[in-house]
Amino acid sequence: MSGEINPCLVDLKHLKDLDFSGNRLNSIPIPSFIATMTSLIHFNLSHAGFKSNIPPHFGNLSNLLYLDLSSNPLLGRGMTIPSFIWRMSNLIHLDVSYSGFMGIVPLQIGNISNLAYLGLGNVANGTIPFQIGNLSNLLHLDLGNDYAFLENIDWLSSLSRLEYFGLGGANLSQSFHCFTLSKLFLL
């Protein structure tokens, strides 16, 4: 699919899953009318070719359980992840990897306590906040290609259900390497 997205989608009042992944949408902005589709629980925009910012009224999609914005390098244009995402407390899956967003991971990450999957690859810049340890349901955490400082990883022991911890290509602080390896084996 390519080109514009028809606004008649809003007529689908009971639509729960909307998947634009893998399309070539020619760098169009995410249509703002999608924010009125409040019955959505699954919203996948990965590899879709979107650009520009996410409209702020996307925070109205409070029923979302699954949000994938990954692999849209023109989407965030180097800006921080929009703050309304950190208020989407029902999310189980959040992937913003390689989405063009960059910046610190805010303390509010700990408010999304139902998260089982968190993809922050090529996004995080700065210290990973200890509030990430509040995500006790987390099974998958990807920090690959991040410029993250993980000197204090006491939060890692709180993630007792963690099955995948991706650090591939991450530019980590030197003190992390030895301490983390021993800490991971103790989990």
N, C-alpha and C. Protein backbone atom coordinates (compact mmCIF):
# COMPACT_ATOMS: atom_id res chain seq x y z
N MET A 1 0.85 -1.17 0.00
CA MET A 1 0.00 0.00 0.00
C MET A 1 0.89 1.23 0.00
N SER A 2 0.50 2.23 -0.69
CA SER A 2 1.24 3.49 -0.67
C SER A 2 0.24 4.63 -0.85
N GLY A 3 0.70 5.83 -0.58
CA GLY A 3 -0.15 7.00 -0.74
C GLY A 3 -0.84 7.41 0.54
N GLU A 4 -1.94 8.10 0.40
CA GLU A 4 -2.70 8.62 1.54
C GLU A 4 -3.56 7.52 2.19
N ILE A 5 -3.89 7.75 3.45
CA ILE A 5 -4.78 6.84 4.17
C ILE A 5 -6.15 7.49 4.23
N ASN A 6 -7.14 6.78 3.78
CA ASN A 6 -8.49 7.32 3.67
C ASN A 6 -9.11 7.51 5.06
N PRO A 7 -9.64 8.70 5.34
CA PRO A 7 -10.25 8.97 6.65
C PRO A 7 -11.52 8.17 6.91
N CYS A 8 -12.05 7.46 5.92
CA CYS A 8 -13.25 6.66 6.15
C CYS A 8 -12.99 5.54 7.15
N LEU A 9 -11.73 5.32 7.51
CA LEU A 9 -11.42 4.31 8.54
C LEU A 9 -12.14 4.60 9.85
N VAL A 10 -12.38 5.86 10.15
CA VAL A 10 -13.04 6.20 11.41
C VAL A 10 -14.47 5.68 11.46
N ASP A 11 -15.04 5.32 10.33
CA ASP A 11 -16.38 4.76 10.30
C ASP A 11 -16.41 3.34 10.87
N LEU A 12 -15.24 2.74 11.01
CA LEU A 12 -15.15 1.39 11.59
C LEU A 12 -15.09 1.52 13.11
N LYS A 13 -16.20 1.80 13.70
CA LYS A 13 -16.30 2.16 15.12
C LYS A 13 -15.81 1.08 16.08
N HIS A 14 -15.88 -0.19 15.67
CA HIS A 14 -15.52 -1.28 16.57
C HIS A 14 -14.18 -1.92 16.22
N LEU A 15 -13.42 -1.26 15.34
CA LEU A 15 -12.14 -1.80 14.93
C LEU A 15 -11.19 -1.86 16.12
N LYS A 16 -10.60 -3.02 16.34
CA LYS A 16 -9.69 -3.21 17.47
C LYS A 16 -8.23 -3.30 17.05
N ASP A 17 -7.98 -3.83 15.86
CA ASP A 17 -6.61 -4.00 15.37
C ASP A 17 -6.41 -3.20 14.10
N LEU A 18 -5.36 -2.38 14.08
CA LEU A 18 -5.01 -1.60 12.90
C LEU A 18 -3.52 -1.79 12.65
N ASP A 19 -3.19 -2.36 11.50
CA ASP A 19 -1.82 -2.74 11.20
C ASP A 19 -1.41 -2.16 9.85
N PHE A 20 -0.51 -1.18 9.88
CA PHE A 20 0.04 -0.59 8.67
C PHE A 20 1.47 -1.07 8.43
N SER A 21 1.93 -2.05 9.18
CA SER A 21 3.33 -2.46 9.10
C SER A 21 3.72 -2.93 7.71
N GLY A 22 4.96 -2.63 7.36
CA GLY A 22 5.53 -3.08 6.11
C GLY A 22 5.05 -2.38 4.86
N ASN A 23 4.31 -1.32 4.99
CA ASN A 23 3.84 -0.57 3.82
C ASN A 23 4.84 0.52 3.44
N ARG A 24 4.72 1.02 2.27
CA ARG A 24 5.56 2.13 1.81
C ARG A 24 4.66 3.35 1.67
N LEU A 25 4.55 4.06 2.76
CA LEU A 25 3.61 5.18 2.78
C LEU A 25 4.27 6.50 2.40
N ASN A 26 5.43 6.41 1.74
CA ASN A 26 6.07 7.58 1.14
C ASN A 26 6.25 8.74 2.10
N SER A 27 6.64 8.43 3.30
CA SER A 27 6.97 9.46 4.29
C SER A 27 5.83 10.43 4.59
N ILE A 28 4.61 9.93 4.62
CA ILE A 28 3.48 10.79 5.00
C ILE A 28 3.39 10.86 6.52
N PRO A 29 2.79 11.91 7.05
CA PRO A 29 2.57 11.97 8.50
C PRO A 29 1.50 10.96 8.92
N ILE A 30 1.55 10.56 10.19
CA ILE A 30 0.50 9.70 10.72
C ILE A 30 -0.78 10.51 10.73
N PRO A 31 -1.84 9.99 10.12
CA PRO A 31 -3.10 10.75 10.07
C PRO A 31 -3.66 11.01 11.47
N SER A 32 -4.00 12.23 11.76
CA SER A 32 -4.50 12.58 13.09
C SER A 32 -5.87 11.98 13.38
N PHE A 33 -6.65 11.67 12.34
CA PHE A 33 -7.99 11.12 12.58
C PHE A 33 -7.94 9.75 13.27
N ILE A 34 -6.81 9.07 13.21
CA ILE A 34 -6.69 7.76 13.87
C ILE A 34 -6.87 7.90 15.38
N ALA A 35 -6.54 9.06 15.92
CA ALA A 35 -6.68 9.28 17.36
C ALA A 35 -8.13 9.22 17.83
N THR A 36 -9.07 9.29 16.90
CA THR A 36 -10.49 9.20 17.28
C THR A 36 -10.98 7.75 17.34
N MET A 37 -10.13 6.82 16.95
CA MET A 37 -10.51 5.40 16.91
C MET A 37 -10.19 4.76 18.27
N THR A 38 -10.94 5.16 19.27
CA THR A 38 -10.63 4.81 20.66
C THR A 38 -10.89 3.35 21.02
N SER A 39 -11.45 2.57 20.13
CA SER A 39 -11.63 1.15 20.43
C SER A 39 -10.38 0.32 20.08
N LEU A 40 -9.37 0.95 19.47
CA LEU A 40 -8.15 0.23 19.10
C LEU A 40 -7.44 -0.33 20.33
N ILE A 41 -7.03 -1.60 20.22
CA ILE A 41 -6.19 -2.19 21.25
C ILE A 41 -4.83 -2.60 20.68
N HIS A 42 -4.75 -2.75 19.37
CA HIS A 42 -3.53 -3.17 18.70
C HIS A 42 -3.26 -2.19 17.55
N PHE A 43 -2.13 -1.49 17.60
CA PHE A 43 -1.81 -0.47 16.60
C PHE A 43 -0.35 -0.67 16.18
N ASN A 44 -0.15 -1.15 14.95
CA ASN A 44 1.19 -1.46 14.47
C ASN A 44 1.53 -0.56 13.28
N LEU A 45 2.54 0.27 13.46
CA LEU A 45 3.01 1.18 12.41
C LEU A 45 4.44 0.85 12.01
N SER A 46 4.96 -0.31 12.40
CA SER A 46 6.36 -0.63 12.14
C SER A 46 6.65 -0.75 10.64
N HIS A 47 7.83 -0.28 10.26
CA HIS A 47 8.30 -0.35 8.87
C HIS A 47 7.29 0.23 7.88
N ALA A 48 6.57 1.25 8.26
CA ALA A 48 5.51 1.78 7.39
C ALA A 48 5.91 3.04 6.63
N GLY A 49 7.02 3.65 7.00
CA GLY A 49 7.47 4.82 6.26
C GLY A 49 6.83 6.12 6.69
N PHE A 50 6.30 6.18 7.91
CA PHE A 50 5.72 7.42 8.40
C PHE A 50 6.81 8.42 8.76
N LYS A 51 6.48 9.69 8.72
CA LYS A 51 7.40 10.74 9.15
C LYS A 51 6.63 11.72 10.03
N SER A 52 7.32 12.74 10.48
CA SER A 52 6.72 13.80 11.28
C SER A 52 6.49 13.33 12.71
N ASN A 53 5.82 14.13 13.48
CA ASN A 53 5.54 13.80 14.87
C ASN A 53 4.25 13.02 15.00
N ILE A 54 4.13 12.32 16.09
CA ILE A 54 2.87 11.65 16.40
C ILE A 54 1.93 12.72 16.94
N PRO A 55 0.73 12.81 16.39
CA PRO A 55 -0.20 13.83 16.91
C PRO A 55 -0.44 13.64 18.41
N PRO A 56 -0.38 14.72 19.19
CA PRO A 56 -0.48 14.60 20.65
C PRO A 56 -1.80 14.00 21.13
N HIS A 57 -2.86 14.13 20.35
CA HIS A 57 -4.13 13.56 20.79
C HIS A 57 -4.18 12.05 20.62
N PHE A 58 -3.06 11.43 20.23
CA PHE A 58 -2.98 9.97 20.23
C PHE A 58 -3.03 9.44 21.67
N GLY A 59 -2.81 10.32 22.62
CA GLY A 59 -2.97 9.94 24.02
C GLY A 59 -4.39 9.52 24.34
N ASN A 60 -5.35 9.85 23.47
CA ASN A 60 -6.74 9.43 23.66
C ASN A 60 -6.93 7.94 23.44
N LEU A 61 -5.96 7.27 22.86
CA LEU A 61 -6.07 5.84 22.58
C LEU A 61 -5.74 5.06 23.85
N SER A 62 -6.53 5.27 24.87
CA SER A 62 -6.24 4.73 26.19
C SER A 62 -6.49 3.22 26.31
N ASN A 63 -7.14 2.62 25.32
CA ASN A 63 -7.38 1.18 25.36
C ASN A 63 -6.26 0.38 24.72
N LEU A 64 -5.26 1.06 24.17
CA LEU A 64 -4.17 0.35 23.50
C LEU A 64 -3.44 -0.58 24.44
N LEU A 65 -3.23 -1.80 23.96
CA LEU A 65 -2.40 -2.77 24.66
C LEU A 65 -1.08 -2.97 23.92
N TYR A 66 -1.11 -2.73 22.60
CA TYR A 66 0.02 -3.00 21.73
C TYR A 66 0.27 -1.77 20.86
N LEU A 67 1.47 -1.21 20.96
CA LEU A 67 1.85 -0.06 20.15
C LEU A 67 3.25 -0.29 19.60
N ASP A 68 3.35 -0.36 18.28
CA ASP A 68 4.64 -0.58 17.64
C ASP A 68 4.89 0.53 16.64
N LEU A 69 5.87 1.37 16.94
CA LEU A 69 6.26 2.48 16.08
C LEU A 69 7.64 2.24 15.47
N SER A 70 8.18 1.06 15.64
CA SER A 70 9.56 0.77 15.29
C SER A 70 9.84 0.88 13.80
N SER A 71 11.10 1.13 13.52
CA SER A 71 11.64 1.19 12.16
C SER A 71 10.93 2.19 11.25
N ASN A 72 10.71 3.35 11.79
CA ASN A 72 10.23 4.51 11.05
C ASN A 72 11.21 5.65 11.34
N PRO A 73 12.41 5.62 10.74
CA PRO A 73 13.47 6.54 11.14
C PRO A 73 13.15 8.02 10.97
N LEU A 74 12.15 8.36 10.18
CA LEU A 74 11.79 9.77 10.00
C LEU A 74 10.71 10.23 10.97
N LEU A 75 10.19 9.31 11.76
CA LEU A 75 9.06 9.63 12.63
C LEU A 75 9.42 10.62 13.73
N GLY A 76 10.41 10.32 14.51
CA GLY A 76 10.73 11.17 15.65
C GLY A 76 11.66 12.32 15.35
N ARG A 77 12.38 12.25 14.27
CA ARG A 77 13.32 13.28 13.84
C ARG A 77 14.24 13.76 14.96
N GLY A 78 14.71 12.82 15.78
CA GLY A 78 15.65 13.15 16.84
C GLY A 78 15.03 13.74 18.09
N MET A 79 13.71 13.85 18.13
CA MET A 79 13.03 14.39 19.31
C MET A 79 12.85 13.28 20.35
N THR A 80 12.48 13.66 21.55
CA THR A 80 12.22 12.67 22.59
C THR A 80 10.89 11.96 22.33
N ILE A 81 10.74 10.81 22.91
CA ILE A 81 9.49 10.06 22.79
C ILE A 81 8.38 10.91 23.39
N PRO A 82 7.25 11.05 22.69
CA PRO A 82 6.17 11.89 23.21
C PRO A 82 5.71 11.46 24.62
N SER A 83 5.51 12.43 25.47
CA SER A 83 5.19 12.16 26.87
C SER A 83 3.87 11.42 27.06
N PHE A 84 2.93 11.58 26.13
CA PHE A 84 1.65 10.89 26.32
C PHE A 84 1.82 9.38 26.27
N ILE A 85 2.86 8.88 25.62
CA ILE A 85 3.09 7.43 25.57
C ILE A 85 3.34 6.88 26.97
N TRP A 86 4.04 7.65 27.79
CA TRP A 86 4.35 7.18 29.15
C TRP A 86 3.12 7.18 30.04
N ARG A 87 2.02 7.76 29.58
CA ARG A 87 0.76 7.74 30.34
C ARG A 87 -0.19 6.63 29.86
N MET A 88 0.21 5.87 28.85
CA MET A 88 -0.63 4.78 28.34
C MET A 88 -0.41 3.55 29.23
N SER A 89 -1.04 3.57 30.37
CA SER A 89 -0.76 2.59 31.42
C SER A 89 -1.24 1.18 31.12
N ASN A 90 -2.05 0.97 30.10
CA ASN A 90 -2.54 -0.37 29.77
C ASN A 90 -1.61 -1.13 28.82
N LEU A 91 -0.61 -0.46 28.27
CA LEU A 91 0.25 -1.09 27.27
C LEU A 91 0.92 -2.35 27.82
N ILE A 92 0.91 -3.38 26.98
CA ILE A 92 1.64 -4.62 27.26
C ILE A 92 2.86 -4.70 26.35
N HIS A 93 2.75 -4.12 25.17
CA HIS A 93 3.82 -4.15 24.17
C HIS A 93 4.07 -2.72 23.70
N LEU A 94 5.31 -2.26 23.85
CA LEU A 94 5.70 -0.94 23.36
C LEU A 94 7.05 -1.07 22.66
N ASP A 95 7.08 -0.72 21.39
CA ASP A 95 8.33 -0.76 20.64
C ASP A 95 8.49 0.56 19.88
N VAL A 96 9.51 1.31 20.27
CA VAL A 96 9.85 2.56 19.59
C VAL A 96 11.26 2.49 19.00
N SER A 97 11.80 1.29 18.89
CA SER A 97 13.14 1.08 18.36
C SER A 97 13.27 1.63 16.94
N TYR A 98 14.38 2.30 16.68
CA TYR A 98 14.70 2.80 15.34
C TYR A 98 13.57 3.64 14.75
N SER A 99 12.94 4.41 15.60
CA SER A 99 11.81 5.24 15.17
C SER A 99 12.19 6.69 14.97
N GLY A 100 13.46 7.00 15.10
CA GLY A 100 13.89 8.38 14.94
C GLY A 100 13.80 9.18 16.24
N PHE A 101 13.25 8.58 17.29
CA PHE A 101 13.21 9.25 18.59
C PHE A 101 14.56 9.09 19.26
N MET A 102 14.92 10.04 20.08
CA MET A 102 16.18 10.00 20.79
C MET A 102 16.01 10.78 22.08
N GLY A 103 16.62 10.31 23.11
CA GLY A 103 16.59 11.07 24.35
C GLY A 103 16.62 10.17 25.57
N ILE A 104 16.44 10.80 26.70
CA ILE A 104 16.46 10.04 27.95
C ILE A 104 15.15 9.28 28.10
N VAL A 105 15.22 8.18 28.79
CA VAL A 105 14.02 7.43 29.14
C VAL A 105 13.50 8.06 30.43
N PRO A 106 12.29 8.60 30.42
CA PRO A 106 11.81 9.32 31.60
C PRO A 106 11.44 8.38 32.75
N LEU A 107 11.39 8.95 33.92
CA LEU A 107 11.04 8.19 35.12
C LEU A 107 9.66 7.55 35.01
N GLN A 108 8.79 8.15 34.21
CA GLN A 108 7.42 7.65 34.07
C GLN A 108 7.34 6.28 33.41
N ILE A 109 8.46 5.76 32.91
CA ILE A 109 8.46 4.41 32.32
C ILE A 109 7.92 3.41 33.34
N GLY A 110 8.18 3.64 34.60
CA GLY A 110 7.73 2.72 35.65
C GLY A 110 6.23 2.70 35.84
N ASN A 111 5.51 3.66 35.26
CA ASN A 111 4.05 3.71 35.39
C ASN A 111 3.34 2.73 34.47
N ILE A 112 4.03 2.20 33.47
CA ILE A 112 3.41 1.26 32.53
C ILE A 112 3.67 -0.15 33.05
N SER A 113 3.12 -0.46 34.18
CA SER A 113 3.47 -1.67 34.93
C SER A 113 3.07 -2.97 34.25
N ASN A 114 2.21 -2.94 33.25
CA ASN A 114 1.79 -4.16 32.57
C ASN A 114 2.72 -4.55 31.42
N LEU A 115 3.71 -3.72 31.11
CA LEU A 115 4.57 -3.98 29.96
C LEU A 115 5.25 -5.35 30.07
N ALA A 116 5.13 -6.12 29.00
CA ALA A 116 5.85 -7.39 28.88
C ALA A 116 6.96 -7.26 27.84
N TYR A 117 6.79 -6.32 26.90
CA TYR A 117 7.76 -6.13 25.81
C TYR A 117 8.08 -4.64 25.73
N LEU A 118 9.37 -4.31 25.80
CA LEU A 118 9.80 -2.92 25.69
C LEU A 118 10.99 -2.83 24.75
N GLY A 119 10.78 -2.21 23.60
CA GLY A 119 11.85 -2.01 22.63
C GLY A 119 12.28 -0.56 22.60
N LEU A 120 13.50 -0.31 23.05
CA LEU A 120 14.06 1.05 23.07
C LEU A 120 15.33 1.13 22.24
N GLY A 121 15.56 0.16 21.36
CA GLY A 121 16.78 0.13 20.56
C GLY A 121 16.98 1.40 19.75
N ASN A 122 18.20 1.94 19.84
CA ASN A 122 18.58 3.15 19.11
C ASN A 122 17.76 4.37 19.54
N VAL A 123 17.34 4.38 20.78
CA VAL A 123 16.53 5.49 21.30
C VAL A 123 17.15 6.10 22.55
N ALA A 124 17.49 5.26 23.52
CA ALA A 124 17.91 5.75 24.83
C ALA A 124 19.25 6.46 24.77
N ASN A 125 19.32 7.55 25.46
CA ASN A 125 20.52 8.36 25.53
C ASN A 125 20.58 8.92 26.94
N GLY A 126 21.50 8.46 27.73
CA GLY A 126 21.58 8.89 29.11
C GLY A 126 21.43 7.70 30.04
N THR A 127 21.13 7.97 31.27
CA THR A 127 21.01 6.91 32.26
C THR A 127 19.63 6.27 32.19
N ILE A 128 19.60 4.95 32.23
CA ILE A 128 18.32 4.23 32.29
C ILE A 128 17.81 4.37 33.71
N PRO A 129 16.60 4.91 33.90
CA PRO A 129 16.12 5.16 35.26
C PRO A 129 15.81 3.87 36.02
N PHE A 130 16.02 3.90 37.32
CA PHE A 130 15.76 2.72 38.13
C PHE A 130 14.28 2.35 38.14
N GLN A 131 13.39 3.27 37.77
CA GLN A 131 11.95 2.99 37.72
C GLN A 131 11.61 1.89 36.72
N ILE A 132 12.54 1.58 35.83
CA ILE A 132 12.30 0.48 34.91
C ILE A 132 12.15 -0.83 35.68
N GLY A 133 12.70 -0.87 36.87
CA GLY A 133 12.55 -2.04 37.76
C GLY A 133 11.12 -2.26 38.23
N ASN A 134 10.25 -1.25 38.08
CA ASN A 134 8.83 -1.42 38.44
C ASN A 134 8.08 -2.27 37.42
N LEU A 135 8.71 -2.56 36.30
CA LEU A 135 8.05 -3.32 35.23
C LEU A 135 8.21 -4.81 35.51
N SER A 136 7.58 -5.28 36.54
CA SER A 136 7.77 -6.65 37.01
C SER A 136 7.23 -7.71 36.06
N ASN A 137 6.43 -7.33 35.07
CA ASN A 137 5.92 -8.27 34.07
C ASN A 137 6.78 -8.33 32.82
N LEU A 138 7.87 -7.57 32.80
CA LEU A 138 8.69 -7.45 31.60
C LEU A 138 9.37 -8.77 31.26
N LEU A 139 9.17 -9.21 30.02
CA LEU A 139 9.79 -10.43 29.50
C LEU A 139 10.90 -10.10 28.49
N HIS A 140 10.75 -8.97 27.78
CA HIS A 140 11.66 -8.61 26.70
C HIS A 140 12.06 -7.15 26.86
N LEU A 141 13.36 -6.90 26.96
CA LEU A 141 13.89 -5.53 27.04
C LEU A 141 15.03 -5.39 26.05
N ASP A 142 14.87 -4.48 25.11
CA ASP A 142 15.90 -4.26 24.10
C ASP A 142 16.44 -2.84 24.22
N LEU A 143 17.74 -2.76 24.52
CA LEU A 143 18.44 -1.48 24.59
C LEU A 143 19.54 -1.42 23.54
N GLY A 144 19.46 -2.24 22.51
CA GLY A 144 20.49 -2.32 21.48
C GLY A 144 20.72 -1.00 20.77
N ASN A 145 22.00 -0.72 20.49
CA ASN A 145 22.44 0.49 19.81
C ASN A 145 22.11 1.77 20.57
N ASP A 146 21.93 1.66 21.86
CA ASP A 146 21.66 2.84 22.68
C ASP A 146 22.96 3.40 23.24
N TYR A 147 22.94 4.66 23.55
CA TYR A 147 24.03 5.32 24.25
C TYR A 147 23.58 5.47 25.70
N ALA A 148 23.49 4.35 26.36
CA ALA A 148 22.92 4.32 27.71
C ALA A 148 24.01 4.13 28.75
N PHE A 149 23.77 4.71 29.88
CA PHE A 149 24.68 4.56 31.00
C PHE A 149 23.98 3.67 32.02
N LEU A 150 24.55 2.50 32.23
CA LEU A 150 23.92 1.51 33.11
C LEU A 150 24.84 1.21 34.29
N GLU A 151 25.43 2.23 34.87
CA GLU A 151 26.35 2.01 35.96
C GLU A 151 25.67 1.34 37.15
N ASN A 152 24.48 1.75 37.47
CA ASN A 152 23.74 1.15 38.59
C ASN A 152 22.58 0.36 38.00
N ILE A 153 22.70 -0.94 38.06
CA ILE A 153 21.66 -1.78 37.47
C ILE A 153 20.91 -2.59 38.53
N ASP A 154 20.81 -2.04 39.71
CA ASP A 154 20.06 -2.75 40.75
C ASP A 154 18.63 -3.05 40.30
N TRP A 155 18.08 -2.22 39.42
CA TRP A 155 16.72 -2.44 38.91
C TRP A 155 16.61 -3.75 38.15
N LEU A 156 17.72 -4.26 37.62
CA LEU A 156 17.70 -5.49 36.85
C LEU A 156 17.24 -6.68 37.69
N SER A 157 17.59 -6.71 38.95
CA SER A 157 17.17 -7.83 39.81
C SER A 157 15.67 -7.83 40.06
N SER A 158 15.00 -6.70 39.85
CA SER A 158 13.54 -6.63 40.01
C SER A 158 12.80 -7.24 38.83
N LEU A 159 13.50 -7.42 37.72
CA LEU A 159 12.88 -7.94 36.50
C LEU A 159 13.03 -9.46 36.47
N SER A 160 12.43 -10.12 37.43
CA SER A 160 12.63 -11.55 37.61
C SER A 160 12.03 -12.40 36.48
N ARG A 161 11.13 -11.86 35.70
CA ARG A 161 10.52 -12.61 34.60
C ARG A 161 11.23 -12.38 33.27
N LEU A 162 12.24 -11.53 33.26
CA LEU A 162 12.94 -11.15 32.03
C LEU A 162 13.53 -12.38 31.34
N GLU A 163 13.18 -12.55 30.05
CA GLU A 163 13.68 -13.66 29.24
C GLU A 163 14.66 -13.18 28.18
N TYR A 164 14.56 -11.93 27.76
CA TYR A 164 15.44 -11.39 26.73
C TYR A 164 15.91 -10.00 27.16
N PHE A 165 17.22 -9.82 27.15
CA PHE A 165 17.83 -8.53 27.48
C PHE A 165 18.80 -8.19 26.37
N GLY A 166 18.39 -7.37 25.41
CA GLY A 166 19.18 -7.04 24.24
C GLY A 166 20.06 -5.83 24.46
N LEU A 167 21.36 -6.04 24.30
CA LEU A 167 22.33 -4.96 24.42
C LEU A 167 23.22 -4.86 23.20
N GLY A 168 22.88 -5.56 22.13
CA GLY A 168 23.72 -5.59 20.93
C GLY A 168 24.01 -4.21 20.38
N GLY A 169 25.28 -3.90 20.23
CA GLY A 169 25.69 -2.63 19.67
C GLY A 169 25.54 -1.45 20.60
N ALA A 170 25.12 -1.69 21.83
CA ALA A 170 24.93 -0.58 22.77
C ALA A 170 26.28 0.00 23.17
N ASN A 171 26.33 1.28 23.36
CA ASN A 171 27.53 1.97 23.80
C ASN A 171 27.40 2.15 25.31
N LEU A 172 27.80 1.13 26.03
CA LEU A 172 27.58 1.10 27.47
C LEU A 172 28.79 1.63 28.22
N SER A 173 28.55 2.06 29.44
CA SER A 173 29.65 2.54 30.27
C SER A 173 30.56 1.36 30.62
N GLN A 174 31.84 1.62 30.83
CA GLN A 174 32.83 0.58 31.09
C GLN A 174 32.49 -0.20 32.35
N SER A 175 32.01 0.47 33.39
CA SER A 175 31.75 -0.22 34.66
C SER A 175 30.60 -1.20 34.55
N PHE A 176 29.79 -1.06 33.53
CA PHE A 176 28.64 -1.95 33.37
C PHE A 176 29.07 -3.38 33.06
N HIS A 177 30.08 -3.53 32.22
CA HIS A 177 30.41 -4.84 31.66
C HIS A 177 30.66 -5.91 32.72
N CYS A 178 31.62 -5.72 33.60
CA CYS A 178 31.95 -6.75 34.58
C CYS A 178 30.83 -6.93 35.60
N PHE A 179 30.32 -5.83 36.11
CA PHE A 179 29.30 -5.90 37.13
C PHE A 179 28.04 -6.56 36.60
N THR A 180 27.66 -6.23 35.39
CA THR A 180 26.42 -6.75 34.83
C THR A 180 26.50 -8.24 34.58
N LEU A 181 27.61 -8.70 34.06
CA LEU A 181 27.73 -10.13 33.77
C LEU A 181 27.53 -10.94 35.04
N SER A 182 28.16 -10.54 36.13
CA SER A 182 27.98 -11.31 37.36
C SER A 182 26.56 -11.16 37.88
N LYS A 183 25.98 -10.00 37.74
CA LYS A 183 24.61 -9.76 38.21
C LYS A 183 23.60 -10.60 37.39
N LEU A 184 23.80 -10.68 36.07
CA LEU A 184 22.90 -11.46 35.23
C LEU A 184 22.93 -12.94 35.59
N PHE A 185 24.10 -13.45 35.90
CA PHE A 185 24.18 -14.87 36.23
C PHE A 185 23.56 -15.18 37.58
N LEU A 186 23.39 -14.18 38.42
CA LEU A 186 22.77 -14.38 39.73
C LEU A 186 21.24 -14.39 39.63
N LEU A 187 20.68 -13.90 38.53
CA LEU A 187 19.23 -13.82 38.39
C LEU A 187 18.60 -15.18 38.27
